[in-house]
């Protein structure tokens, strides 16, 4: 079975570059990023639900770090 998960993250245009740069290296090969209107879209493809969950959990953990750092700036 094949699973797909799409996560949309609201993001202001001035922060898109920083967020993509921060999330890209850790998720390369597992997550396909793209730009939406005032949002970042992350697509995850996996062959089983467990792997899908692992990748999504990692992406969201990285996103939380980025979010915390941006609050400090």
N, C-alpha and C. Protein backbone atom coordinates (compact mmCIF):
# COMPACT_ATOMS: atom_id res chain seq x y z
N UNK A 1 0.84 -1.17 0.00
CA UNK A 1 0.00 0.00 0.00
C UNK A 1 0.89 1.24 0.00
N UNK A 2 0.41 2.30 -0.60
CA UNK A 2 1.17 3.55 -0.67
C UNK A 2 0.38 4.66 0.02
N UNK A 3 1.06 5.42 0.86
CA UNK A 3 0.43 6.50 1.61
C UNK A 3 1.01 7.84 1.19
N UNK A 4 0.14 8.86 1.19
CA UNK A 4 0.57 10.22 0.90
C UNK A 4 -0.03 11.14 1.95
N UNK A 5 0.80 12.03 2.47
CA UNK A 5 0.34 13.02 3.45
C UNK A 5 0.81 14.38 2.98
N UNK A 6 -0.08 15.35 2.96
CA UNK A 6 0.27 16.71 2.58
C UNK A 6 0.02 17.62 3.79
N UNK A 7 1.04 18.37 4.17
CA UNK A 7 0.95 19.29 5.30
C UNK A 7 1.14 20.70 4.77
N UNK A 8 0.18 21.57 5.06
CA UNK A 8 0.25 22.98 4.67
C UNK A 8 0.56 23.81 5.90
N UNK A 9 1.61 24.62 5.79
CA UNK A 9 2.05 25.47 6.90
C UNK A 9 1.90 26.93 6.48
N UNK A 10 1.09 27.72 7.19
CA UNK A 10 1.01 29.14 6.86
C UNK A 10 2.39 29.78 7.09
N UNK A 11 2.80 30.59 6.15
CA UNK A 11 4.12 31.21 6.26
C UNK A 11 4.14 32.52 5.48
N UNK A 12 4.61 33.56 6.13
CA UNK A 12 4.69 34.85 5.45
C UNK A 12 5.81 34.81 4.41
N UNK A 13 5.65 35.54 3.33
CA UNK A 13 6.63 35.51 2.25
C UNK A 13 8.06 35.82 2.70
N UNK A 14 8.22 36.68 3.69
CA UNK A 14 9.58 37.03 4.13
C UNK A 14 10.26 35.91 4.92
N UNK A 15 9.49 34.92 5.38
CA UNK A 15 10.07 33.82 6.15
C UNK A 15 10.22 32.52 5.37
N UNK A 16 9.64 32.46 4.19
CA UNK A 16 9.65 31.22 3.41
C UNK A 16 11.05 30.71 3.16
N UNK A 17 11.93 31.56 2.75
CA UNK A 17 13.29 31.16 2.43
C UNK A 17 14.00 30.58 3.65
N UNK A 18 13.86 31.22 4.80
CA UNK A 18 14.51 30.75 6.02
C UNK A 18 13.95 29.40 6.47
N UNK A 19 12.64 29.26 6.39
CA UNK A 19 12.01 28.01 6.81
C UNK A 19 12.43 26.87 5.88
N UNK A 20 12.38 27.10 4.58
CA UNK A 20 12.78 26.07 3.62
C UNK A 20 14.23 25.68 3.80
N UNK A 21 15.09 26.65 4.05
CA UNK A 21 16.50 26.37 4.25
C UNK A 21 16.75 25.56 5.51
N UNK A 22 15.96 25.81 6.53
CA UNK A 22 16.13 25.09 7.80
C UNK A 22 15.59 23.67 7.74
N UNK A 23 14.53 23.47 7.01
CA UNK A 23 13.89 22.16 6.97
C UNK A 23 14.44 21.25 5.89
N UNK A 24 14.98 21.84 4.84
CA UNK A 24 15.43 21.07 3.69
C UNK A 24 16.45 19.99 3.97
N UNK A 25 17.58 20.31 4.60
CA UNK A 25 18.64 19.30 4.75
C UNK A 25 18.22 18.06 5.53
N UNK A 26 17.43 18.22 6.56
CA UNK A 26 17.04 17.08 7.40
C UNK A 26 16.00 16.20 6.73
N UNK A 27 15.23 16.75 5.83
CA UNK A 27 14.13 16.01 5.22
C UNK A 27 14.32 15.69 3.75
N UNK A 28 15.50 15.99 3.22
CA UNK A 28 15.77 15.76 1.80
C UNK A 28 15.60 14.28 1.46
N UNK A 29 14.87 14.03 0.40
CA UNK A 29 14.63 12.66 -0.04
C UNK A 29 13.39 12.03 0.58
N UNK A 30 12.87 12.62 1.64
CA UNK A 30 11.69 12.08 2.31
C UNK A 30 10.47 12.97 2.14
N UNK A 31 10.72 14.27 1.97
CA UNK A 31 9.65 15.25 1.90
C UNK A 31 9.83 16.09 0.64
N UNK A 32 8.75 16.31 -0.09
CA UNK A 32 8.79 17.16 -1.27
C UNK A 32 8.13 18.49 -0.92
N UNK A 33 8.92 19.56 -0.83
CA UNK A 33 8.34 20.87 -0.50
C UNK A 33 7.89 21.61 -1.76
N UNK A 34 6.91 22.46 -1.59
CA UNK A 34 6.48 23.36 -2.65
C UNK A 34 5.87 24.60 -2.02
N UNK A 35 5.66 25.61 -2.84
CA UNK A 35 5.11 26.86 -2.34
C UNK A 35 3.65 26.99 -2.73
N UNK A 36 2.84 27.41 -1.77
CA UNK A 36 1.45 27.74 -2.02
C UNK A 36 1.29 29.23 -1.81
N UNK A 37 0.08 29.70 -1.89
CA UNK A 37 -0.17 31.12 -1.64
C UNK A 37 -0.10 31.37 -0.14
N UNK A 38 0.93 32.07 0.30
CA UNK A 38 1.17 32.35 1.72
C UNK A 38 1.30 31.09 2.57
N UNK A 39 1.82 30.01 1.97
CA UNK A 39 2.01 28.79 2.73
C UNK A 39 3.10 27.94 2.10
N UNK A 40 3.63 27.05 2.92
CA UNK A 40 4.55 26.02 2.44
C UNK A 40 3.77 24.72 2.45
N UNK A 41 3.99 23.91 1.44
CA UNK A 41 3.30 22.63 1.33
C UNK A 41 4.37 21.54 1.34
N UNK A 42 4.19 20.59 2.22
CA UNK A 42 5.12 19.47 2.33
C UNK A 42 4.37 18.19 2.00
N UNK A 43 4.86 17.45 1.01
CA UNK A 43 4.24 16.19 0.61
C UNK A 43 5.15 15.04 1.04
N UNK A 44 4.56 14.09 1.72
CA UNK A 44 5.29 12.91 2.19
C UNK A 44 4.69 11.69 1.51
N UNK A 45 5.53 10.88 0.90
CA UNK A 45 5.12 9.61 0.30
C UNK A 45 5.82 8.49 1.06
N UNK A 46 5.07 7.45 1.40
CA UNK A 46 5.66 6.31 2.11
C UNK A 46 4.91 5.03 1.75
N UNK A 47 5.60 3.92 1.90
CA UNK A 47 5.01 2.63 1.56
C UNK A 47 4.22 2.00 2.70
N UNK A 48 4.38 2.54 3.91
CA UNK A 48 3.58 2.02 5.02
C UNK A 48 3.28 3.15 6.01
N UNK A 49 2.24 2.94 6.79
CA UNK A 49 1.76 3.98 7.71
C UNK A 49 2.80 4.33 8.77
N UNK A 50 3.55 3.35 9.23
CA UNK A 50 4.58 3.61 10.23
C UNK A 50 5.66 4.55 9.72
N UNK A 51 6.11 4.31 8.52
CA UNK A 51 7.14 5.17 7.91
C UNK A 51 6.59 6.57 7.67
N UNK A 52 5.34 6.66 7.23
CA UNK A 52 4.71 7.96 7.02
C UNK A 52 4.69 8.75 8.32
N UNK A 53 4.33 8.08 9.40
CA UNK A 53 4.28 8.73 10.71
C UNK A 53 5.66 9.19 11.16
N UNK A 54 6.67 8.37 10.95
CA UNK A 54 8.04 8.74 11.34
C UNK A 54 8.51 9.99 10.60
N UNK A 55 8.26 10.03 9.31
CA UNK A 55 8.70 11.18 8.51
C UNK A 55 7.93 12.43 8.92
N UNK A 56 6.62 12.31 9.10
CA UNK A 56 5.81 13.46 9.50
C UNK A 56 6.24 13.96 10.88
N UNK A 57 6.50 13.05 11.80
CA UNK A 57 6.95 13.42 13.14
C UNK A 57 8.27 14.18 13.09
N UNK A 58 9.20 13.70 12.28
CA UNK A 58 10.49 14.38 12.12
C UNK A 58 10.32 15.77 11.52
N UNK A 59 9.49 15.87 10.49
CA UNK A 59 9.24 17.17 9.86
C UNK A 59 8.64 18.15 10.86
N UNK A 60 7.65 17.71 11.60
CA UNK A 60 6.98 18.59 12.56
C UNK A 60 7.91 18.98 13.71
N UNK A 61 8.78 18.08 14.13
CA UNK A 61 9.76 18.41 15.17
C UNK A 61 10.72 19.49 14.67
N UNK A 62 11.17 19.36 13.44
CA UNK A 62 12.05 20.37 12.84
C UNK A 62 11.32 21.70 12.70
N UNK A 63 10.07 21.63 12.29
CA UNK A 63 9.27 22.84 12.14
C UNK A 63 9.10 23.55 13.48
N UNK A 64 8.93 22.79 14.55
CA UNK A 64 8.78 23.38 15.89
C UNK A 64 10.05 24.12 16.29
N UNK A 65 11.21 23.59 15.99
CA UNK A 65 12.47 24.26 16.29
C UNK A 65 12.56 25.57 15.52
N UNK A 66 12.22 25.54 14.23
CA UNK A 66 12.23 26.75 13.41
C UNK A 66 11.27 27.78 13.99
N UNK A 67 10.08 27.34 14.36
CA UNK A 67 9.08 28.22 14.94
C UNK A 67 9.60 28.87 16.24
N UNK A 68 10.22 28.08 17.10
CA UNK A 68 10.77 28.62 18.36
C UNK A 68 11.88 29.64 18.10
N UNK A 69 12.73 29.36 17.15
CA UNK A 69 13.82 30.28 16.81
C UNK A 69 13.26 31.59 16.26
N UNK A 70 12.27 31.49 15.40
CA UNK A 70 11.69 32.71 14.81
C UNK A 70 11.02 33.57 15.87
N UNK A 71 10.50 32.96 16.92
CA UNK A 71 9.89 33.72 18.01
C UNK A 71 10.94 34.53 18.78
N UNK A 72 12.17 34.03 18.78
CA UNK A 72 13.25 34.71 19.48
C UNK A 72 13.80 35.90 18.70
N UNK A 73 13.60 35.89 17.40
CA UNK A 73 14.16 36.96 16.54
C UNK A 73 13.31 38.21 16.57
